[in-house]
Amino acid sequence: MSSPVLHSTTGAQLNLRSQLLFHDNMRDKPNDLVTSLMSWNLVHAHETSHWVRFHGSTIGVLLTFLRATRDTLADYSIRNLDSNDRAAFEKHRNDGIPLFAWNTKASAYSLGREIANNCLTWLSLHRAYTILLGFEPLNWSNIDQEAMQDSLTLALHTTWSQWTGRGMLPLESEDYARVHSFGPLLGGDEPITTRLLFECAGLLDEGYLFRGPHPGIMDRGLQRMWDINRRGEYGKPYRLAESMAGRSLSHSEVLTLIDFALNPPLPGLQKGVSTIDWRELYPPYRFLFAAAEMAERRTYKHSEAVNARPTIDHVSNFYSTVTRETDIRVGSIDCQLTEDSDLRDIADPRRSFARRMMGVPLLSADRLHGERRADVRSISHFGSMLIDMDGYRLLDPEAPDYPWWFFPPLKVINDGVYGWPAKRLSLDEASDLLIGSAISSAYDDVVHGVGPLGRDHLPAAPFRDPDETAALNDMARYHLGVNIGWT
């Protein structure tokens, strides 16, 4: 099964399946060390912005919960198979038939009503994730709109039910998370995806470095490559926004639009919200509505030539304007996402691997939404902090109040080597988190795929050692409950 990833323009990636950042260290080029450093900074800005925006947005938090819910359901389904059903499931899988699939040949449909229902719920959770993130295109000509609306509703309500009072708001007896009015906004044409909004924002965050304190020493080739990338796929939301607004827009204005788009009000996360219109939930549609409010006749304008980013009131007032004119609201996180206070809390070996995997992004999200409440621009215009005095606190990892949550804590560097912040995690704790990520991210392969477990979302180095691979496979078979592993 392929992994959902957010890329930089040079190939580094934030893998959303494992929550690992794949990123080479800066490659020293003695003949042009400055260009090497600047190139590394561009990649660092792009990939860091993906982490900040994904986990600092309401849609990113929802996607984290959707993913965790389907992992928990997969684990429950496998563990509750009796010995005969487990043997049948493993035989079917060896024969190329997955446990969960929309195809009626999936083995779940022959193993009893409960696991068949679990199958439909898991598939709804998976579908909601991929559609909202934009890894499954909305082909409206082939969509059963009523069935899809029911599937999205089931995913949202199951997620809230699963995490009520444990990261999401308490679910009252009258609450039922629903998606309604599911339908196309543009007659079936889907010009952009949520993924492209993230990619465009990362590209624009790179662009701030060309306006920073060292533009005079920035290699012109890097600027040219950045311009080419902006004219390519990653710039598509920018071009669409200008078309909707009917005027040229600054980078700062497009970043405001993207931030509005990525923050819908969501059941289970925002007080008073239990049902939501598809147009208000789906980030690409939110982006279109907000872009129309950037037209020349409107009042919101901001140029980076004046200052790096708009004022807090300027951004907030624009969001209020969009809501007043369109009824499309901006969302917030009104619950405590986690009780953890440090990465070490998450690495607790008494926790299940599924809980450990989601612990890192939820702790980061909890802190990032605190930053957002204090200053929305720390998320919406993150790249500007890299050239501004407000970003000085991001520079010293040794500072006692260093905001580590702005950066992906777990990384893969230098040809597949696993890395972590040594000040915040011991070797054993970091190893536990890696194992937790590997095991929990394997559930998709176990129930929805056939063959060996995928490993493109994990560090390559451990799999080059037969003993380490064997140890991981032993743990996988023990915790996943089936005879499956990595090759």
Protein backbone atom coordinates (compact mmCIF):
# COMPACT_ATOMS: atom_id res chain seq x y z
CA MET A 1 0.00 0.00 0.00
CA SER A 2 1.43 3.38 -0.96
CA SER A 3 2.22 5.92 1.73
CA PRO A 4 0.71 9.43 1.78
CA VAL A 5 3.61 11.87 1.73
CA LEU A 6 4.20 15.61 1.50
CA HIS A 7 7.26 16.36 -0.66
CA SER A 8 9.71 19.19 -0.96
CA THR A 9 10.71 20.35 -4.42
CA THR A 10 14.04 18.52 -4.08
CA GLY A 11 12.79 15.10 -2.99
CA ALA A 12 12.81 15.26 0.81
CA GLN A 13 9.49 14.15 2.26
CA LEU A 14 7.33 14.03 5.36
CA ASN A 15 5.87 10.54 5.38
CA LEU A 16 2.42 10.71 6.95
CA ARG A 17 2.21 6.95 7.38
CA SER A 18 5.13 6.77 9.80
CA GLN A 19 5.37 10.49 10.75
CA LEU A 20 9.08 10.36 9.81
CA LEU A 21 10.87 13.14 7.94
CA PHE A 22 13.15 11.79 5.21
CA HIS A 23 15.85 14.38 4.68
CA ASP A 24 19.58 14.21 3.90
CA ASN A 25 22.00 16.23 5.95
CA MET A 26 23.55 19.23 4.23
CA ARG A 27 26.08 18.04 1.68
CA ASP A 28 29.24 20.06 2.02
CA LYS A 29 30.53 21.43 -1.26
CA PRO A 30 33.88 23.08 -0.52
CA ASN A 31 33.77 25.05 -3.77
CA ASP A 32 30.38 26.52 -2.97
CA LEU A 33 29.54 26.01 0.67
CA VAL A 34 27.18 29.00 0.77
CA THR A 35 25.00 27.60 -2.04
CA SER A 36 24.99 24.20 -0.34
CA LEU A 37 23.87 25.80 2.91
CA MET A 38 21.16 27.90 1.23
CA SER A 39 19.86 24.88 -0.70
CA TRP A 40 19.64 22.88 2.53
CA ASN A 41 17.80 25.76 4.20
CA LEU A 42 15.19 25.81 1.42
CA VAL A 43 14.49 22.10 1.88
CA HIS A 44 14.46 22.51 5.67
CA ALA A 45 11.94 25.37 5.43
CA HIS A 46 9.67 23.41 3.09
CA GLU A 47 9.61 20.18 5.09
CA THR A 48 9.33 21.91 8.46
CA SER A 49 6.37 23.90 7.16
CA HIS A 50 4.63 20.63 6.22
CA TRP A 51 4.92 19.42 9.81
CA VAL A 52 3.77 22.77 11.22
CA ARG A 53 0.82 23.17 8.86
CA PHE A 54 -0.38 19.58 8.96
CA HIS A 55 -0.38 19.27 12.72
CA GLY A 56 -1.18 22.95 13.29
CA SER A 57 -4.41 22.75 11.27
CA THR A 58 -7.77 21.28 12.21
CA ILE A 59 -7.85 19.11 9.09
CA GLY A 60 -4.45 17.64 10.04
CA VAL A 61 -5.69 16.79 13.55
CA LEU A 62 -8.79 15.13 12.09
CA LEU A 63 -6.64 13.08 9.70
CA THR A 64 -4.46 11.97 12.62
CA PHE A 65 -7.54 10.73 14.51
CA LEU A 66 -8.98 9.05 11.39
CA ARG A 67 -5.72 7.19 10.92
CA ALA A 68 -5.51 6.15 14.58
CA THR A 69 -9.12 4.94 14.57
CA ARG A 70 -8.61 2.67 11.58
CA ASP A 71 -5.41 1.24 13.12
CA THR A 72 -7.28 0.48 16.34
CA LEU A 73 -10.14 -1.12 14.44
CA ALA A 74 -7.74 -3.27 12.40
CA ASP A 75 -6.01 -4.44 15.56
CA TYR A 76 -9.35 -5.24 17.25
CA SER A 77 -10.62 -7.12 14.20
CA ILE A 78 -7.56 -9.35 13.94
CA ARG A 79 -7.33 -10.08 17.65
CA ASN A 80 -10.99 -11.13 17.85
CA LEU A 81 -10.73 -13.75 15.12
CA ASP A 82 -10.95 -17.26 16.52
CA SER A 83 -8.31 -19.77 15.48
CA ASN A 84 -10.33 -21.12 12.55
CA ASP A 85 -11.15 -17.65 11.18
CA ARG A 86 -7.54 -16.55 11.62
CA ALA A 87 -6.33 -19.55 9.66
CA ALA A 88 -8.89 -18.80 6.92
CA PHE A 89 -7.82 -15.14 6.82
CA GLU A 90 -4.13 -16.03 6.52
CA LYS A 91 -4.85 -18.60 3.78
CA HIS A 92 -6.93 -16.08 1.81
CA ARG A 93 -4.23 -13.45 2.19
CA ASN A 94 -1.56 -15.86 0.95
CA ASP A 95 -3.85 -16.49 -2.04
CA GLY A 96 -3.95 -12.76 -2.82
CA ILE A 97 -7.30 -11.97 -1.15
CA PRO A 98 -7.16 -9.12 1.44
CA LEU A 99 -9.16 -9.08 4.64
CA PHE A 100 -10.72 -5.64 3.99
CA ALA A 101 -11.71 -4.42 0.52
CA TRP A 102 -14.77 -3.04 -1.22
CA ASN A 103 -14.64 -6.10 -3.46
CA THR A 104 -17.10 -8.68 -2.12
CA LYS A 105 -14.38 -11.34 -2.44
CA ALA A 106 -12.58 -9.81 0.57
CA SER A 107 -12.23 -12.49 3.23
CA ALA A 108 -13.99 -10.37 5.89
CA TYR A 109 -17.35 -10.98 4.21
CA SER A 110 -17.04 -14.74 4.81
CA LEU A 111 -15.99 -14.47 8.46
CA GLY A 112 -19.18 -13.31 10.13
CA ARG A 113 -21.31 -10.20 10.49
CA GLU A 114 -19.14 -8.38 13.05
CA ILE A 115 -15.94 -8.41 11.02
CA ALA A 116 -17.89 -7.63 7.85
CA ASN A 117 -19.24 -4.52 9.60
CA ASN A 118 -15.73 -3.72 10.83
CA CYS A 119 -14.55 -4.00 7.24
CA LEU A 120 -17.07 -1.42 6.00
CA THR A 121 -16.20 0.94 8.86
CA TRP A 122 -12.45 0.58 8.26
CA LEU A 123 -12.91 1.23 4.55
CA SER A 124 -14.96 4.34 5.34
CA LEU A 125 -12.20 5.60 7.63
CA HIS A 126 -9.59 4.94 4.96
CA ARG A 127 -11.70 6.56 2.22
CA ALA A 128 -12.39 9.67 4.31
CA TYR A 129 -8.65 10.05 4.98
CA THR A 130 -7.56 9.68 1.37
CA ILE A 131 -10.31 11.92 -0.03
CA LEU A 132 -9.80 14.70 2.50
CA LEU A 133 -6.04 14.65 1.99
CA GLY A 134 -6.39 14.40 -1.77
CA PHE A 135 -4.77 11.03 -2.48
CA GLU A 136 -8.02 9.65 -3.90
CA PRO A 137 -9.43 11.90 -6.63
CA LEU A 138 -13.11 12.81 -6.51
CA ASN A 139 -14.36 11.41 -9.80
CA TRP A 140 -17.87 12.79 -9.59
CA SER A 141 -19.09 11.03 -12.74
CA ASN A 142 -18.64 7.67 -11.00
CA ILE A 143 -19.53 8.58 -7.42
CA ASP A 144 -22.67 7.38 -5.67
CA GLN A 145 -23.11 10.64 -3.74
CA GLU A 146 -25.51 9.27 -1.14
CA ALA A 147 -23.30 6.26 -0.40
CA MET A 148 -20.19 8.44 -0.21
CA GLN A 149 -21.91 10.88 2.16
CA ASP A 150 -22.92 7.96 4.40
CA SER A 151 -19.35 6.64 4.30
CA LEU A 152 -17.88 10.01 5.34
CA THR A 153 -20.48 10.36 8.09
CA LEU A 154 -19.66 6.89 9.41
CA ALA A 155 -15.95 7.75 9.47
CA LEU A 156 -16.41 11.02 11.37
CA HIS A 157 -18.86 9.57 13.87
CA THR A 158 -16.80 6.42 14.51
CA THR A 159 -13.72 8.55 15.13
CA TRP A 160 -15.52 10.81 17.62
CA SER A 161 -17.04 7.77 19.36
CA GLN A 162 -13.64 6.09 19.61
CA TRP A 163 -11.82 9.09 21.08
CA THR A 164 -14.56 10.79 23.09
CA GLY A 165 -13.03 12.26 26.24
CA ARG A 166 -9.59 10.90 25.26
CA GLY A 167 -8.36 13.68 22.98
CA MET A 168 -11.68 14.67 21.45
CA LEU A 169 -14.60 16.41 23.13
CA PRO A 170 -17.05 14.27 25.15
CA LEU A 171 -19.76 12.80 22.93
CA GLU A 172 -23.16 13.66 24.38
CA SER A 173 -26.18 11.42 23.86
CA GLU A 174 -27.69 13.78 21.27
CA ASP A 175 -24.45 14.21 19.31
CA TYR A 176 -23.96 12.49 15.97
CA ALA A 177 -21.20 13.58 13.61
CA ARG A 178 -22.67 14.03 10.14
CA VAL A 179 -21.49 15.24 6.76
CA HIS A 180 -24.31 16.64 4.63
CA SER A 181 -24.82 18.23 1.20
CA PHE A 182 -22.08 16.11 -0.34
CA GLY A 183 -21.74 17.24 -3.93
CA PRO A 184 -19.45 18.96 -6.44
CA LEU A 185 -18.94 22.69 -6.31
CA LEU A 186 -17.77 23.16 -9.91
CA GLY A 187 -19.90 20.70 -11.81
CA GLY A 188 -17.50 17.85 -11.13
CA ASP A 189 -14.21 19.55 -11.98
CA GLU A 190 -11.72 19.30 -9.08
CA PRO A 191 -8.92 21.79 -9.85
CA ILE A 192 -6.79 21.23 -6.71
CA THR A 193 -6.46 18.94 -3.70
CA THR A 194 -5.68 19.40 -0.02
CA ARG A 195 -2.25 17.90 -0.68
CA LEU A 196 -1.52 20.62 -3.23
CA LEU A 197 -2.50 23.29 -0.70
CA PHE A 198 0.14 21.92 1.68
CA GLU A 199 2.72 21.71 -1.10
CA CYS A 200 2.01 25.25 -2.30
CA ALA A 201 2.34 26.62 1.22
CA GLY A 202 5.68 24.83 1.66
CA LEU A 203 6.93 26.35 -1.59
CA LEU A 204 5.86 29.83 -0.50
CA ASP A 205 7.63 29.34 2.83
CA GLU A 206 10.79 28.63 0.86
CA GLY A 207 10.20 31.91 -0.96
CA TYR A 208 10.63 33.92 2.24
CA LEU A 209 14.31 32.96 2.28
CA PHE A 210 14.82 34.92 -0.96
CA ARG A 211 13.56 37.96 0.95
CA GLY A 212 15.57 37.23 4.08
CA PRO A 213 18.78 38.64 5.48
CA HIS A 214 21.00 36.96 2.85
CA PRO A 215 19.34 37.48 -0.57
CA GLY A 216 22.53 39.01 -1.95
CA ILE A 217 24.47 35.78 -1.48
CA MET A 218 21.69 33.42 -2.58
CA ASP A 219 22.66 31.59 -5.76
CA ARG A 220 20.55 32.79 -8.68
CA GLY A 221 20.12 29.20 -9.83
CA LEU A 222 18.17 28.45 -6.65
CA GLN A 223 15.86 31.39 -7.36
CA ARG A 224 15.35 30.17 -10.93
CA MET A 225 14.52 26.65 -9.73
CA TRP A 226 12.09 28.08 -7.22
CA ASP A 227 10.38 30.13 -9.96
CA ILE A 228 10.13 27.01 -12.14
CA ASN A 229 8.53 25.06 -9.30
CA ARG A 230 6.06 27.85 -8.68
CA ARG A 231 5.01 27.67 -12.35
CA GLY A 232 4.54 23.90 -11.99
CA GLU A 233 2.15 21.71 -10.02
CA TYR A 234 2.94 23.22 -6.62
CA GLY A 235 1.93 26.66 -7.89
CA LYS A 236 -1.49 25.53 -9.12
CA PRO A 237 -3.37 26.78 -6.02
CA TYR A 238 -1.62 30.16 -6.40
CA ARG A 239 -2.78 30.48 -10.03
CA LEU A 240 -6.29 29.36 -9.13
CA ALA A 241 -6.49 31.92 -6.31
CA GLU A 242 -5.47 34.73 -8.66
CA SER A 243 -8.07 33.58 -11.16
CA MET A 244 -10.79 33.56 -8.49
CA ALA A 245 -9.71 36.95 -7.11
CA GLY A 246 -9.29 38.50 -10.54
CA ARG A 247 -6.00 40.15 -9.57
CA SER A 248 -2.38 39.41 -8.75
CA LEU A 249 -1.86 38.16 -5.22
CA SER A 250 1.17 38.32 -2.97
CA HIS A 251 2.66 35.20 -1.38
CA SER A 252 1.35 36.39 1.97
CA GLU A 253 -2.21 36.66 0.66
CA VAL A 254 -2.15 33.13 -0.75
CA LEU A 255 -0.79 31.78 2.56
CA THR A 256 -3.75 33.40 4.33
CA LEU A 257 -6.11 31.64 1.93
CA ILE A 258 -4.40 28.29 2.47
CA ASP A 259 -4.57 28.63 6.24
CA PHE A 260 -8.29 29.40 6.09
CA ALA A 261 -8.81 26.39 3.82
CA LEU A 262 -6.98 23.94 6.10
CA ASN A 263 -8.98 24.85 9.20
CA PRO A 264 -12.63 23.79 8.94
CA PRO A 265 -14.81 23.49 12.07
CA LEU A 266 -14.98 19.78 12.93
CA PRO A 267 -17.21 17.48 14.99
CA GLY A 268 -15.47 16.26 18.11
CA LEU A 269 -12.85 19.01 17.99
CA GLN A 270 -14.87 22.24 18.13
CA LYS A 271 -17.65 22.98 20.61
CA GLY A 272 -21.12 23.19 19.15
CA VAL A 273 -20.20 21.44 15.90
CA SER A 274 -21.72 18.04 15.17
CA THR A 275 -22.82 18.34 11.53
CA ILE A 276 -20.92 19.98 8.70
CA ASP A 277 -21.62 20.83 5.07
CA TRP A 278 -19.22 19.20 2.60
CA ARG A 279 -18.41 22.61 1.12
CA GLU A 280 -17.34 23.80 4.57
CA LEU A 281 -15.40 20.63 5.38
CA TYR A 282 -13.45 20.13 2.14
CA PRO A 283 -10.30 22.35 2.09
CA PRO A 284 -10.18 22.90 -1.72
CA TYR A 285 -13.73 24.30 -1.67
CA ARG A 286 -12.93 26.48 1.35
CA PHE A 287 -9.96 27.80 -0.61
CA LEU A 288 -12.18 28.79 -3.55
CA PHE A 289 -14.70 30.61 -1.35
CA ALA A 290 -11.95 32.50 0.46
CA ALA A 291 -10.11 33.38 -2.77
CA ALA A 292 -13.26 35.02 -4.15
CA GLU A 293 -13.15 37.37 -1.15
CA MET A 294 -9.66 38.52 -2.23
CA ALA A 295 -11.11 40.34 -5.25
CA GLU A 296 -10.10 43.93 -5.96
CA ARG A 297 -13.30 45.26 -4.46
CA ARG A 298 -12.51 43.62 -1.13
CA THR A 299 -10.43 45.13 1.64
CA TYR A 300 -7.87 42.39 2.41
CA LYS A 301 -4.47 43.04 0.88
CA HIS A 302 -0.95 42.47 2.10
CA SER A 303 2.42 42.84 0.42
CA GLU A 304 5.64 41.39 1.81
CA ALA A 305 7.36 44.53 0.55
CA VAL A 306 5.81 46.37 3.52
CA ASN A 307 6.53 43.77 6.22
CA ALA A 308 7.04 40.03 6.36
CA ARG A 309 3.48 39.18 7.33
CA PRO A 310 0.14 40.83 8.07
CA THR A 311 -1.00 41.75 11.56
CA ILE A 312 -2.96 39.28 13.68
CA ASP A 313 -6.07 41.46 13.40
CA HIS A 314 -5.67 41.67 9.63
CA VAL A 315 -5.78 37.88 9.28
CA SER A 316 -8.57 37.41 11.83
CA ASN A 317 -10.70 40.12 10.24
CA PHE A 318 -10.36 38.46 6.84
CA TYR A 319 -11.54 35.13 8.27
CA SER A 320 -14.54 36.93 9.77
CA THR A 321 -15.26 38.54 6.41
CA VAL A 322 -15.26 35.19 4.60
CA THR A 323 -17.65 33.73 7.20
CA ARG A 324 -19.95 36.75 7.00
CA GLU A 325 -20.09 36.66 3.20
CA THR A 326 -20.20 32.90 2.63
CA ASP A 327 -21.18 31.18 5.94
CA ILE A 328 -17.92 29.20 5.67
CA ARG A 329 -16.42 29.30 9.17
CA VAL A 330 -12.85 28.96 10.39
CA GLY A 331 -12.38 26.13 12.87
CA SER A 332 -10.57 25.78 16.17
CA ILE A 333 -9.44 23.03 18.54
CA ASP A 334 -11.51 23.33 21.71
CA CYS A 335 -10.23 20.22 23.47
CA GLN A 336 -7.00 19.03 25.02
CA LEU A 337 -5.58 16.65 22.44
CA THR A 338 -3.26 14.87 24.84
CA GLU A 339 -2.31 14.67 28.50
CA ASP A 340 1.32 14.02 27.60
CA SER A 341 3.79 16.75 28.42
CA ASP A 342 6.94 15.39 26.81
CA LEU A 343 8.12 12.95 24.16
CA ARG A 344 9.32 10.62 26.91
CA ASP A 345 5.73 10.18 28.09
CA ILE A 346 4.80 8.79 24.66
CA ALA A 347 7.59 6.23 24.62
CA ASP A 348 6.10 4.49 27.68
CA PRO A 349 6.47 0.73 26.90
CA ARG A 350 3.19 0.03 28.72
CA ARG A 351 1.32 1.75 25.89
CA SER A 352 0.07 0.00 22.79
CA PHE A 353 2.03 0.66 19.62
CA ALA A 354 -0.99 2.39 18.03
CA ARG A 355 -1.11 4.87 20.92
CA ARG A 356 2.62 5.48 20.74
CA MET A 357 2.45 6.18 17.01
CA MET A 358 -0.26 8.84 17.32
CA GLY A 359 1.24 10.26 20.52
CA VAL A 360 4.01 12.19 18.75
CA PRO A 361 1.78 14.07 16.26
CA LEU A 362 -0.93 14.74 18.86
CA LEU A 363 1.54 16.19 21.37
CA SER A 364 3.00 18.37 18.62
CA ALA A 365 -0.49 19.38 17.45
CA ASP A 366 -1.54 20.30 20.98
CA ARG A 367 1.45 22.66 21.27
CA LEU A 368 1.08 24.04 17.74
CA HIS A 369 -2.56 24.93 18.27
CA GLY A 370 -1.48 26.73 21.42
CA GLU A 371 0.91 28.73 19.23
CA ARG A 372 -1.95 29.35 16.82
CA ARG A 373 -4.22 30.71 19.54
CA ALA A 374 -1.47 33.10 20.67
CA ASP A 375 -0.58 34.23 17.12
CA VAL A 376 -2.30 32.69 14.11
CA ARG A 377 0.58 33.83 11.87
CA SER A 378 3.03 31.45 13.55
CA ILE A 379 1.23 28.75 11.55
CA SER A 380 -0.37 30.63 8.65
CA HIS A 381 2.83 32.48 7.70
CA PHE A 382 5.38 30.13 9.24
CA GLY A 383 8.07 30.80 6.64
CA SER A 384 8.24 34.46 7.58
CA MET A 385 9.42 33.49 11.06
CA LEU A 386 12.59 32.07 9.50
CA ILE A 387 13.71 35.58 8.47
CA ASP A 388 12.12 37.56 11.31
CA MET A 389 13.11 38.32 14.89
CA ASP A 390 9.98 36.46 16.10
CA GLY A 391 11.67 33.30 14.85
CA TYR A 392 14.82 33.66 16.92
CA ARG A 393 13.43 31.25 19.49
CA LEU A 394 13.50 28.51 16.82
CA LEU A 395 17.27 28.76 16.44
CA ASP A 396 18.68 27.42 19.71
CA PRO A 397 17.74 23.79 20.45
CA GLU A 398 19.68 24.01 23.72
CA ALA A 399 17.46 26.78 25.13
CA PRO A 400 15.29 25.58 28.05
CA ASP A 401 12.11 26.96 26.40
CA TYR A 402 12.96 25.75 22.88
CA PRO A 403 9.69 25.05 20.97
CA TRP A 404 10.69 21.62 19.64
CA TRP A 405 7.13 20.95 18.42
CA PHE A 406 7.73 23.12 15.35
CA PHE A 407 10.02 20.40 13.95
CA PRO A 408 9.51 16.70 13.16
CA PRO A 409 11.29 14.96 16.06
CA LEU A 410 11.91 11.65 14.26
CA LYS A 411 13.95 11.72 11.06
CA VAL A 412 15.64 9.53 8.48
CA ILE A 413 18.90 10.96 7.18
CA ASN A 414 22.04 9.92 5.30
CA ASP A 415 20.86 6.91 3.31
CA GLY A 416 18.32 5.53 5.72
CA VAL A 417 19.74 6.22 9.19
CA TYR A 418 17.19 6.85 11.95
CA GLY A 419 17.66 10.06 13.95
CA TRP A 420 15.99 11.65 16.99
CA PRO A 421 16.57 14.54 19.43
CA ALA A 422 19.04 13.02 21.88
CA LYS A 423 18.27 15.69 24.49
CA ARG A 424 14.64 14.62 24.63
CA LEU A 425 14.80 10.87 24.01
CA SER A 426 17.19 8.15 25.12
CA LEU A 427 18.27 5.44 22.70
CA ASP A 428 15.77 3.00 24.22
CA GLU A 429 12.92 5.52 24.09
CA ALA A 430 13.69 6.46 20.49
CA SER A 431 13.85 2.78 19.56
CA ASP A 432 10.47 2.16 21.18
CA LEU A 433 8.95 4.99 19.15
CA LEU A 434 10.41 3.65 15.92
CA ILE A 435 9.11 0.16 16.65
CA GLY A 436 5.74 1.65 17.57
CA SER A 437 5.63 3.50 14.27
CA ALA A 438 6.65 0.42 12.30
CA ILE A 439 4.07 -1.86 13.93
CA SER A 440 1.14 0.57 13.86
CA SER A 441 1.84 1.65 10.29
CA ALA A 442 1.80 -2.01 9.24
CA TYR A 443 -1.93 -2.46 9.87
CA ASP A 444 -2.85 -1.05 6.47
CA ASP A 445 -0.70 -3.69 4.79
CA VAL A 446 -2.08 -6.47 6.98
CA VAL A 447 -5.79 -5.88 6.43
CA HIS A 448 -5.94 -4.05 3.09
CA GLY A 449 -3.00 -5.57 1.25
CA VAL A 450 -1.37 -8.89 0.49
CA GLY A 451 2.24 -9.99 0.52
CA PRO A 452 5.06 -8.75 2.79
CA LEU A 453 4.82 -5.56 4.81
CA GLY A 454 5.81 -2.35 3.04
CA ARG A 455 8.86 -0.49 4.29
CA ASP A 456 9.30 2.58 2.06
CA HIS A 457 8.00 4.69 4.96
CA LEU A 458 10.65 3.39 7.40
CA PRO A 459 14.44 3.83 7.73
CA ALA A 460 16.36 1.54 5.40
CA ALA A 461 19.35 0.98 7.69
CA PRO A 462 17.71 -1.55 10.10
CA PHE A 463 16.63 -3.71 7.17
CA ARG A 464 20.21 -3.98 5.92
CA ASP A 465 21.02 -5.98 9.05
CA PRO A 466 19.50 -9.52 8.97
CA ASP A 467 19.46 -9.74 12.76
CA GLU A 468 17.60 -6.43 13.13
CA THR A 469 15.13 -7.42 10.41
CA ALA A 470 14.52 -10.76 12.14
CA ALA A 471 13.94 -9.01 15.48
CA LEU A 472 11.45 -6.58 13.90
CA ASN A 473 9.65 -9.48 12.22
CA ASP A 474 9.37 -11.35 15.52
CA MET A 475 7.80 -8.27 17.12
CA ALA A 476 5.48 -7.77 14.15
CA ARG A 477 4.19 -11.33 14.28
CA TYR A 478 3.69 -11.13 18.03
CA HIS A 479 1.87 -7.80 18.08
CA LEU A 480 0.00 -8.04 14.77
CA GLY A 481 -1.14 -11.57 15.52
CA VAL A 482 -0.44 -12.93 12.03
CA ASN A 483 2.51 -14.59 10.34
CA ILE A 484 3.68 -11.63 8.32
CA GLY A 485 6.82 -9.50 8.27
CA TRP A 486 9.29 -7.45 6.28
CA THR A 487 11.56 -8.97 3.68
